[in-house]
Amino acid sequence: MASKDAQNQRSRGLPGFLPGAPDPDHSFHVSLANPGNQVWQPTLPPPGSLPPGLEYLSQLDLIIIHQQVELLGMILGTETSNKYEIKNSLGQRVYFAVEESICFNRTFCSTLRSCTLKITDNSGREVITVNRPLRCNSCWFPCYLQELEIQAPPGTIVGYVAQKWDPFLPKFTIQNANKEDILKVDGPCATCGCFGDVDFEVKTINEKLTIGKISKYWSGFVNDVFTNADNFGIHVPADLDVTVKAAMIGACFLFDFMFFEHSLAGL
């Protein structure tokens, strides 16, 4: 069922849109000894050519992020730490992300809370750390807007995601380790996503070329209203730098916090 759902999400991709993207079906395989095995076994690049643990990202042009349902939060209407599965286009888990934050921040700062998201591979090794400080989320405070720091491996900063001031549209930039803008991300005017997907377009700095998108998939009225479990898809060129892909995963988490995080307590 997971594979079927992932393939359905794959159909929402951008055929012919991603330059240089290989056929992903030739990039990985499932163990023949265990056809039900959902652990990805990719053909990896030469050792040492990429940051440790990011080798898997080098072959992906679609990254699916599935937030796990927190039954306790759903029943009590309280905010719990977020957990995400990061999968390839076949629904096979590649990474797992867990939010680390204190209860006080989740209760009183809600979606603005500071937190750290630790991303581990299937062996349990931490490969990416995403740090989110406490910042504002309002056009009235343009000097202290949202920002994420991306480390890969932990302790080595490879990029940032920074919100840019705009009175009408969600605008962000993907930055390198020196805080130089390398990509722009523009969201729609309305991000409610009540009856369809919400797309954030990823563009070059001059905005002349759209190279991908980050999509929040609509999961149906019941799921959207009564749970805080969201599903996202990151569509990028397969040959995009893996540190930029890691930053886009962080951007996806930020968008979830800013625009889609809710619970029964907020109804």
C-alpha atoms as a PDB file:
ATOM      1  CA  MET A   1       0.000   0.000   0.000  1.00  0.00           C
ATOM      2  CA  ALA A   2       2.852   2.364   0.852  1.00  0.00           C
ATOM      3  CA  SER A   3       4.452   1.755  -2.533  1.00  0.00           C
ATOM      4  CA  LYS A   4       1.164   2.344  -4.338  1.00  0.00           C
ATOM      5  CA  ASP A   5       0.561   5.619  -2.497  1.00  0.00           C
ATOM      6  CA  ALA A   6       4.103   6.754  -3.235  1.00  0.00           C
ATOM      7  CA  GLN A   7       3.692   5.955  -6.926  1.00  0.00           C
ATOM      8  CA  ASN A   8       0.472   7.976  -6.967  1.00  0.00           C
ATOM      9  CA  GLN A   9       2.374  10.901  -5.484  1.00  0.00           C
ATOM     10  CA  ARG A  10       5.114  10.324  -8.055  1.00  0.00           C
ATOM     11  CA  SER A  11       2.528  10.961 -10.765  1.00  0.00           C
ATOM     12  CA  ARG A  12       2.260  14.517  -9.498  1.00  0.00           C
ATOM     13  CA  GLY A  13       5.856  15.116 -10.568  1.00  0.00           C
ATOM     14  CA  LEU A  14       7.064  17.252 -13.429  1.00  0.00           C
ATOM     15  CA  PRO A  15       7.660  15.073 -16.489  1.00  0.00           C
ATOM     16  CA  GLY A  16      10.324  16.622 -18.703  1.00  0.00           C
ATOM     17  CA  PHE A  17      10.689  19.446 -16.210  1.00  0.00           C
ATOM     18  CA  LEU A  18      13.759  18.435 -14.271  1.00  0.00           C
ATOM     19  CA  PRO A  19      16.918  18.752 -16.388  1.00  0.00           C
ATOM     20  CA  GLY A  20      19.415  15.941 -16.162  1.00  0.00           C
ATOM     21  CA  ALA A  21      17.171  13.721 -14.011  1.00  0.00           C
ATOM     22  CA  PRO A  22      17.713   9.985 -14.652  1.00  0.00           C
ATOM     23  CA  ASP A  23      15.007   7.370 -14.540  1.00  0.00           C
ATOM     24  CA  PRO A  24      14.785   6.716 -10.771  1.00  0.00           C
ATOM     25  CA  ASP A  25      13.624   3.154 -11.319  1.00  0.00           C
ATOM     26  CA  HIS A  26      17.207   2.266 -12.298  1.00  0.00           C
ATOM     27  CA  SER A  27      18.771   3.924  -9.249  1.00  0.00           C
ATOM     28  CA  PHE A  28      17.804   1.425  -6.588  1.00  0.00           C
ATOM     29  CA  HIS A  29      16.417  -2.042  -6.079  1.00  0.00           C
ATOM     30  CA  VAL A  30      14.570  -4.195  -3.572  1.00  0.00           C
ATOM     31  CA  SER A  31      16.260  -7.305  -2.244  1.00  0.00           C
ATOM     32  CA  LEU A  32      15.129 -10.348  -4.230  1.00  0.00           C
ATOM     33  CA  ALA A  33      15.533 -12.499  -1.148  1.00  0.00           C
ATOM     34  CA  ASN A  34      12.830 -10.505   0.556  1.00  0.00           C
ATOM     35  CA  PRO A  35      10.445  -8.841  -1.932  1.00  0.00           C
ATOM     36  CA  GLY A  36       8.662  -7.025   0.890  1.00  0.00           C
ATOM     37  CA  ASN A  37      11.854  -5.373   2.071  1.00  0.00           C
ATOM     38  CA  GLN A  38      11.403  -1.603   2.224  1.00  0.00           C
ATOM     39  CA  VAL A  39      15.024  -0.673   2.951  1.00  0.00           C
ATOM     40  CA  TRP A  40      16.613   1.199   0.075  1.00  0.00           C
ATOM     41  CA  GLN A  41      19.798  -0.327  -1.382  1.00  0.00           C
ATOM     42  CA  PRO A  42      21.162   2.276  -3.809  1.00  0.00           C
ATOM     43  CA  THR A  43      24.245   2.242  -5.989  1.00  0.00           C
ATOM     44  CA  LEU A  44      26.383   4.741  -4.081  1.00  0.00           C
ATOM     45  CA  PRO A  45      28.886   7.284  -5.435  1.00  0.00           C
ATOM     46  CA  PRO A  46      32.591   6.813  -4.652  1.00  0.00           C
ATOM     47  CA  PRO A  47      33.308   7.050  -0.892  1.00  0.00           C
ATOM     48  CA  GLY A  48      34.395  10.485   0.332  1.00  0.00           C
ATOM     49  CA  SER A  49      32.960  12.387  -2.645  1.00  0.00           C
ATOM     50  CA  LEU A  50      29.904  13.559  -0.664  1.00  0.00           C
ATOM     51  CA  PRO A  51      29.175  14.481   2.962  1.00  0.00           C
ATOM     52  CA  PRO A  52      28.755  11.270   4.996  1.00  0.00           C
ATOM     53  CA  GLY A  53      25.190  10.008   4.889  1.00  0.00           C
ATOM     54  CA  LEU A  54      24.063  12.222   1.997  1.00  0.00           C
ATOM     55  CA  GLU A  55      25.056   9.715  -0.687  1.00  0.00           C
ATOM     56  CA  TYR A  56      21.449   8.574  -0.870  1.00  0.00           C
ATOM     57  CA  LEU A  57      20.249  12.045  -1.848  1.00  0.00           C
ATOM     58  CA  SER A  58      22.493  12.153  -4.911  1.00  0.00           C
ATOM     59  CA  GLN A  59      20.189   9.817  -6.851  1.00  0.00           C
ATOM     60  CA  LEU A  60      16.810  11.286  -5.905  1.00  0.00           C
ATOM     61  CA  ASP A  61      14.713  13.688  -7.960  1.00  0.00           C
ATOM     62  CA  LEU A  62      11.653  13.186  -5.737  1.00  0.00           C
ATOM     63  CA  ILE A  63      11.840  13.205  -1.942  1.00  0.00           C
ATOM     64  CA  ILE A  64       8.645  12.337  -0.077  1.00  0.00           C
ATOM     65  CA  ILE A  65       8.229  13.538   3.506  1.00  0.00           C
ATOM     66  CA  HIS A  66       5.483  11.968   5.589  1.00  0.00           C
ATOM     67  CA  GLN A  67       4.666  13.306   9.029  1.00  0.00           C
ATOM     68  CA  GLN A  68       3.708  10.595  11.491  1.00  0.00           C
ATOM     69  CA  VAL A  69       0.337  10.927  13.212  1.00  0.00           C
ATOM     70  CA  GLU A  70       0.616  11.686  16.921  1.00  0.00           C
ATOM     71  CA  LEU A  71      -2.443  10.037  18.479  1.00  0.00           C
ATOM     72  CA  LEU A  72      -1.867  11.614  21.890  1.00  0.00           C
ATOM     73  CA  GLY A  73      -1.801  15.105  20.439  1.00  0.00           C
ATOM     74  CA  MET A  74      -4.820  14.352  18.270  1.00  0.00           C
ATOM     75  CA  ILE A  75      -6.888  13.102  21.227  1.00  0.00           C
ATOM     76  CA  LEU A  76      -5.834  15.705  23.788  1.00  0.00           C
ATOM     77  CA  GLY A  77      -5.420  18.602  21.388  1.00  0.00           C
ATOM     78  CA  THR A  78      -1.854  19.181  22.597  1.00  0.00           C
ATOM     79  CA  GLU A  79       1.293  19.835  20.605  1.00  0.00           C
ATOM     80  CA  THR A  80       3.819  16.995  20.606  1.00  0.00           C
ATOM     81  CA  SER A  81       7.242  16.710  19.008  1.00  0.00           C
ATOM     82  CA  ASN A  82       7.037  16.171  15.269  1.00  0.00           C
ATOM     83  CA  LYS A  83       8.378  13.047  13.581  1.00  0.00           C
ATOM     84  CA  TYR A  84       8.851  12.602   9.856  1.00  0.00           C
ATOM     85  CA  GLU A  85       9.678   9.735   7.517  1.00  0.00           C
ATOM     86  CA  ILE A  86      11.733  10.749   4.495  1.00  0.00           C
ATOM     87  CA  LYS A  87      11.179   8.379   1.567  1.00  0.00           C
ATOM     88  CA  ASN A  88      12.105   7.836  -2.054  1.00  0.00           C
ATOM     89  CA  SER A  89       9.589   7.636  -4.898  1.00  0.00           C
ATOM     90  CA  LEU A  90       8.777   3.980  -4.104  1.00  0.00           C
ATOM     91  CA  GLY A  91       7.838   4.763  -0.520  1.00  0.00           C
ATOM     92  CA  GLN A  92      11.015   3.204   0.904  1.00  0.00           C
ATOM     93  CA  ARG A  93      12.288   5.027   3.967  1.00  0.00           C
ATOM     94  CA  VAL A  94      15.672   6.665   3.488  1.00  0.00           C
ATOM     95  CA  TYR A  95      15.842   8.882   6.581  1.00  0.00           C
ATOM     96  CA  PHE A  96      13.889   9.530   9.770  1.00  0.00           C
ATOM     97  CA  ALA A  97      13.594  12.972  11.400  1.00  0.00           C
ATOM     98  CA  VAL A  98      12.703  13.700  15.033  1.00  0.00           C
ATOM     99  CA  GLU A  99      12.059  17.105  16.566  1.00  0.00           C
ATOM    100  CA  GLU A 100      13.775  17.954  19.832  1.00  0.00           C
ATOM    101  CA  SER A 101      12.079  20.784  21.764  1.00  0.00           C
ATOM    102  CA  ILE A 102      10.858  21.460  25.269  1.00  0.00           C
ATOM    103  CA  CYS A 103       7.202  21.247  26.270  1.00  0.00           C
ATOM    104  CA  PHE A 104       7.123  24.910  27.305  1.00  0.00           C
ATOM    105  CA  ASN A 105       8.089  26.054  23.804  1.00  0.00           C
ATOM    106  CA  ARG A 106       5.598  23.742  22.116  1.00  0.00           C
ATOM    107  CA  THR A 107       2.797  24.941  24.427  1.00  0.00           C
ATOM    108  CA  PHE A 108       3.390  28.686  24.553  1.00  0.00           C
ATOM    109  CA  CYS A 109       5.364  29.400  21.373  1.00  0.00           C
ATOM    110  CA  SER A 110       3.407  26.895  19.295  1.00  0.00           C
ATOM    111  CA  THR A 111       4.441  26.989  15.623  1.00  0.00           C
ATOM    112  CA  LEU A 112       7.074  29.691  16.260  1.00  0.00           C
ATOM    113  CA  ARG A 113       8.970  27.507  18.717  1.00  0.00           C
ATOM    114  CA  SER A 114      12.691  26.993  18.597  1.00  0.00           C
ATOM    115  CA  CYS A 115      13.704  23.392  18.002  1.00  0.00           C
ATOM    116  CA  THR A 116      16.260  21.035  16.543  1.00  0.00           C
ATOM    117  CA  LEU A 117      15.403  18.334  14.026  1.00  0.00           C
ATOM    118  CA  LYS A 118      17.794  15.405  13.910  1.00  0.00           C
ATOM    119  CA  ILE A 119      17.762  13.329  10.746  1.00  0.00           C
ATOM    120  CA  THR A 120      19.140   9.782  10.882  1.00  0.00           C
ATOM    121  CA  ASP A 121      19.662   7.159   8.202  1.00  0.00           C
ATOM    122  CA  ASN A 122      18.391   3.576   8.363  1.00  0.00           C
ATOM    123  CA  SER A 123      21.347   2.527  10.521  1.00  0.00           C
ATOM    124  CA  GLY A 124      20.503   5.172  13.134  1.00  0.00           C
ATOM    125  CA  ARG A 125      23.434   7.435  12.264  1.00  0.00           C
ATOM    126  CA  GLU A 126      22.664  11.155  12.473  1.00  0.00           C
ATOM    127  CA  VAL A 127      23.478  12.683   9.085  1.00  0.00           C
ATOM    128  CA  ILE A 128      21.683  16.058   9.079  1.00  0.00           C
ATOM    129  CA  THR A 129      20.875  18.509  11.871  1.00  0.00           C
ATOM    130  CA  VAL A 130      18.369  21.320  11.346  1.00  0.00           C
ATOM    131  CA  ASN A 131      18.420  24.138  13.907  1.00  0.00           C
ATOM    132  CA  ARG A 132      15.490  26.540  14.153  1.00  0.00           C
ATOM    133  CA  PRO A 133      15.812  29.545  16.491  1.00  0.00           C
ATOM    134  CA  LEU A 134      12.863  31.426  17.976  1.00  0.00           C
ATOM    135  CA  ARG A 135      11.948  34.136  15.486  1.00  0.00           C
ATOM    136  CA  CYS A 136       8.990  36.197  14.290  1.00  0.00           C
ATOM    137  CA  ASN A 137       6.552  35.306  11.531  1.00  0.00           C
ATOM    138  CA  SER A 138       5.005  38.636  10.632  1.00  0.00           C
ATOM    139  CA  CYS A 139       5.422  41.308   7.994  1.00  0.00           C
ATOM    140  CA  TRP A 140       5.502  43.820  10.872  1.00  0.00           C
ATOM    141  CA  PHE A 141       8.917  42.516  11.987  1.00  0.00           C
ATOM    142  CA  PRO A 142      11.001  42.371   8.770  1.00  0.00           C
ATOM    143  CA  CYS A 143      14.329  42.295  10.607  1.00  0.00           C
ATOM    144  CA  TYR A 144      13.775  39.095  12.572  1.00  0.00           C
ATOM    145  CA  LEU A 145      12.069  36.678  10.217  1.00  0.00           C
ATOM    146  CA  GLN A 146      12.292  32.888  10.119  1.00  0.00           C
ATOM    147  CA  GLU A 147      15.611  31.141   9.508  1.00  0.00           C
ATOM    148  CA  LEU A 148      16.986  27.600   9.592  1.00  0.00           C
ATOM    149  CA  GLU A 149      20.549  26.370   9.849  1.00  0.00           C
ATOM    150  CA  ILE A 150      21.441  23.131   8.074  1.00  0.00           C
ATOM    151  CA  GLN A 151      24.374  20.985   9.209  1.00  0.00           C
ATOM    152  CA  ALA A 152      25.587  17.924   7.286  1.00  0.00           C
ATOM    153  CA  PRO A 153      27.217  16.102   8.908  1.00  0.00           C
ATOM    154  CA  PRO A 154      26.268  17.469  12.350  1.00  0.00           C
ATOM    155  CA  GLY A 155      28.676  20.226  13.301  1.00  0.00           C
ATOM    156  CA  THR A 156      29.394  21.301   9.718  1.00  0.00           C
ATOM    157  CA  ILE A 157      27.157  24.098   8.405  1.00  0.00           C
ATOM    158  CA  VAL A 158      26.283  23.612   4.735  1.00  0.00           C
ATOM    159  CA  GLY A 159      23.424  26.052   4.269  1.00  0.00           C
ATOM    160  CA  TYR A 160      20.542  28.142   5.520  1.00  0.00           C
ATOM    161  CA  VAL A 161      16.894  28.741   4.717  1.00  0.00           C
ATOM    162  CA  ALA A 162      15.910  32.378   5.227  1.00  0.00           C
ATOM    163  CA  GLN A 163      12.517  34.039   5.005  1.00  0.00           C
ATOM    164  CA  LYS A 164      12.422  37.281   2.981  1.00  0.00           C
ATOM    165  CA  TRP A 165      10.067  40.122   3.764  1.00  0.00           C
ATOM    166  CA  ASP A 166       7.039  40.449   1.505  1.00  0.00           C
ATOM    167  CA  PRO A 167       3.624  41.908   2.445  1.00  0.00           C
ATOM    168  CA  PHE A 168       1.641  39.401   0.383  1.00  0.00           C
ATOM    169  CA  LEU A 169       3.539  36.232  -0.582  1.00  0.00           C
ATOM    170  CA  PRO A 170       5.676  33.691   1.312  1.00  0.00           C
ATOM    171  CA  LYS A 171       9.213  34.208   0.016  1.00  0.00           C
ATOM    172  CA  PHE A 172      12.384  32.400   1.045  1.00  0.00           C
ATOM    173  CA  THR A 173      15.940  31.872  -0.128  1.00  0.00           C
ATOM    174  CA  ILE A 174      18.198  28.838   0.034  1.00  0.00           C
ATOM    175  CA  GLN A 175      21.668  29.984   1.068  1.00  0.00           C
ATOM    176  CA  ASN A 176      25.091  28.352   1.140  1.00  0.00           C
ATOM    177  CA  ALA A 177      27.336  28.115   4.192  1.00  0.00           C
ATOM    178  CA  ASN A 178      28.456  31.731   3.655  1.00  0.00           C
ATOM    179  CA  LYS A 179      24.836  32.949   3.655  1.00  0.00           C
ATOM    180  CA  GLU A 180      24.952  33.740  -0.045  1.00  0.00           C
ATOM    181  CA  ASP A 181      21.638  33.285  -1.864  1.00  0.00           C
ATOM    182  CA  ILE A 182      21.694  30.415  -4.361  1.00  0.00           C
ATOM    183  CA  LEU A 183      17.981  29.701  -4.935  1.00  0.00           C
ATOM    184  CA  LYS A 184      14.656  31.415  -4.327  1.00  0.00           C
ATOM    185  CA  VAL A 185      11.455  29.765  -3.115  1.00  0.00           C
ATOM    186  CA  ASP A 186       8.119  31.495  -3.747  1.00  0.00           C
ATOM    187  CA  GLY A 187       4.876  30.313  -2.191  1.00  0.00           C
ATOM    188  CA  PRO A 188       1.257  31.045  -3.139  1.00  0.00           C
ATOM    189  CA  CYS A 189      -0.842  33.829  -1.692  1.00  0.00           C
ATOM    190  CA  ALA A 190      -3.126  31.303   0.024  1.00  0.00           C
ATOM    191  CA  THR A 191      -1.494  28.331   1.751  1.00  0.00           C
ATOM    192  CA  CYS A 192      -4.573  26.733   3.337  1.00  0.00           C
ATOM    193  CA  GLY A 193      -4.645  23.866   0.823  1.00  0.00           C
ATOM    194  CA  CYS A 194      -8.251  23.012   1.684  1.00  0.00           C
ATOM    195  CA  PHE A 195      -9.009  21.160  -1.546  1.00  0.00           C
ATOM    196  CA  GLY A 196      -5.721  20.717  -3.373  1.00  0.00           C
ATOM    197  CA  ASP A 197      -1.946  20.689  -3.274  1.00  0.00           C
ATOM    198  CA  VAL A 198       0.025  23.768  -2.231  1.00  0.00           C
ATOM    199  CA  ASP A 199       3.147  24.384  -4.319  1.00  0.00           C
ATOM    200  CA  PHE A 200       6.230  26.422  -3.439  1.00  0.00           C
ATOM    201  CA  GLU A 201       8.230  27.032  -6.613  1.00  0.00           C
ATOM    202  CA  VAL A 202      12.022  26.784  -6.482  1.00  0.00           C
ATOM    203  CA  LYS A 203      13.677  29.258  -8.838  1.00  0.00           C
ATOM    204  CA  THR A 204      17.089  30.508  -9.843  1.00  0.00           C
ATOM    205  CA  ILE A 205      18.249  33.768  -8.285  1.00  0.00           C
ATOM    206  CA  ASN A 206      17.239  35.797 -11.351  1.00  0.00           C
ATOM    207  CA  GLU A 207      13.836  34.033 -11.264  1.00  0.00           C
ATOM    208  CA  LYS A 208      14.061  33.231 -14.979  1.00  0.00           C
ATOM    209  CA  LEU A 209      14.015  29.456 -14.479  1.00  0.00           C
ATOM    210  CA  THR A 210      11.937  27.244 -12.211  1.00  0.00           C
ATOM    211  CA  ILE A 211      14.041  24.205 -11.323  1.00  0.00           C
ATOM    212  CA  GLY A 212      11.683  22.400  -8.943  1.00  0.00           C
ATOM    213  CA  LYS A 213       9.008  22.710  -6.315  1.00  0.00           C
ATOM    214  CA  ILE A 214       8.105  21.792  -2.764  1.00  0.00           C
ATOM    215  CA  SER A 215       4.519  20.558  -2.573  1.00  0.00           C
ATOM    216  CA  LYS A 216       2.223  20.025   0.368  1.00  0.00           C
ATOM    217  CA  TYR A 217      -0.046  17.214  -0.789  1.00  0.00           C
ATOM    218  CA  TRP A 218      -3.719  17.465   0.052  1.00  0.00           C
ATOM    219  CA  SER A 219      -4.622  14.371   2.073  1.00  0.00           C
ATOM    220  CA  GLY A 220      -8.379  14.899   2.290  1.00  0.00           C
ATOM    221  CA  PHE A 221     -10.663  17.013   4.447  1.00  0.00           C
ATOM    222  CA  VAL A 222     -10.782  14.632   7.432  1.00  0.00           C
ATOM    223  CA  ASN A 223      -7.020  14.233   7.668  1.00  0.00           C
ATOM    224  CA  ASP A 224      -6.346  17.948   7.212  1.00  0.00           C
ATOM    225  CA  VAL A 225      -8.847  19.045   9.867  1.00  0.00           C
ATOM    226  CA  PHE A 226      -8.576  16.346  12.531  1.00  0.00           C
ATOM    227  CA  THR A 227      -4.878  15.455  12.417  1.00  0.00           C
ATOM    228  CA  ASN A 228      -1.638  17.376  12.050  1.00  0.00           C
ATOM    229  CA  ALA A 229      -0.060  14.749   9.782  1.00  0.00           C
ATOM    230  CA  ASP A 230       1.145  16.319   6.549  1.00  0.00           C
ATOM    231  CA  ASN A 231       2.658  14.890   3.385  1.00  0.00           C
ATOM    232  CA  PHE A 232       5.150  16.758   1.232  1.00  0.00           C
ATOM    233  CA  GLY A 233       7.005  16.153  -1.998  1.00  0.00           C
ATOM    234  CA  ILE A 234      10.275  17.817  -3.007  1.00  0.00           C
ATOM    235  CA  HIS A 235      10.789  17.794  -6.795  1.00  0.00           C
ATOM    236  CA  VAL A 236      14.346  18.689  -7.817  1.00  0.00           C
ATOM    237  CA  PRO A 237      16.885  17.843 -10.528  1.00  0.00           C
ATOM    238  CA  ALA A 238      18.620  14.589  -9.624  1.00  0.00           C
ATOM    239  CA  ASP A 239      22.025  16.206 -10.187  1.00  0.00           C
ATOM    240  CA  LEU A 240      21.374  19.081  -7.777  1.00  0.00           C
ATOM    241  CA  ASP A 241      24.033  19.404  -5.071  1.00  0.00           C
ATOM    242  CA  VAL A 242      23.165  17.145  -2.127  1.00  0.00           C
ATOM    243  CA  THR A 243      23.734  19.942   0.402  1.00  0.00           C
ATOM    244  CA  VAL A 244      21.105  22.015  -1.417  1.00  0.00           C
ATOM    245  CA  LYS A 245      18.734  19.028  -1.299  1.00  0.00           C
ATOM    246  CA  ALA A 246      19.389  18.806   2.442  1.00  0.00           C
ATOM    247  CA  ALA A 247      18.540  22.500   2.782  1.00  0.00           C
ATOM    248  CA  MET A 248      15.309  21.949   0.862  1.00  0.00           C
ATOM    249  CA  ILE A 249      14.353  19.176   3.283  1.00  0.00           C
ATOM    250  CA  GLY A 250      14.879  21.728   6.051  1.00  0.00           C
ATOM    251  CA  ALA A 251      12.747  24.233   4.125  1.00  0.00           C
ATOM    252  CA  CYS A 252       9.989  21.642   3.956  1.00  0.00           C
ATOM    253  CA  PHE A 253      10.025  21.308   7.757  1.00  0.00           C
ATOM    254  CA  LEU A 254       9.918  25.099   8.098  1.00  0.00           C
ATOM    255  CA  PHE A 255       6.902  25.366   5.784  1.00  0.00           C
ATOM    256  CA  ASP A 256       5.128  22.690   7.813  1.00  0.00           C
ATOM    257  CA  PHE A 257       5.657  24.658  11.022  1.00  0.00           C
ATOM    258  CA  MET A 258       4.717  28.005   9.512  1.00  0.00           C
ATOM    259  CA  PHE A 259       1.733  27.185   7.322  1.00  0.00           C
ATOM    260  CA  PHE A 260       0.333  23.711   8.004  1.00  0.00           C
ATOM    261  CA  GLU A 261       0.880  22.873  11.664  1.00  0.00           C
ATOM    262  CA  HIS A 262      -2.398  22.660  13.541  1.00  0.00           C
ATOM    263  CA  SER A 263      -4.314  20.498  15.986  1.00  0.00           C
ATOM    264  CA  LEU A 264      -7.751  20.206  17.538  1.00  0.00           C
ATOM    265  CA  ALA A 265      -6.702  22.864  20.020  1.00  0.00           C
ATOM    266  CA  GLY A 266      -6.616  25.411  17.239  1.00  0.00           C
ATOM    267  CA  LEU A 267     -10.076  24.696  15.830  1.00  0.00           C
END
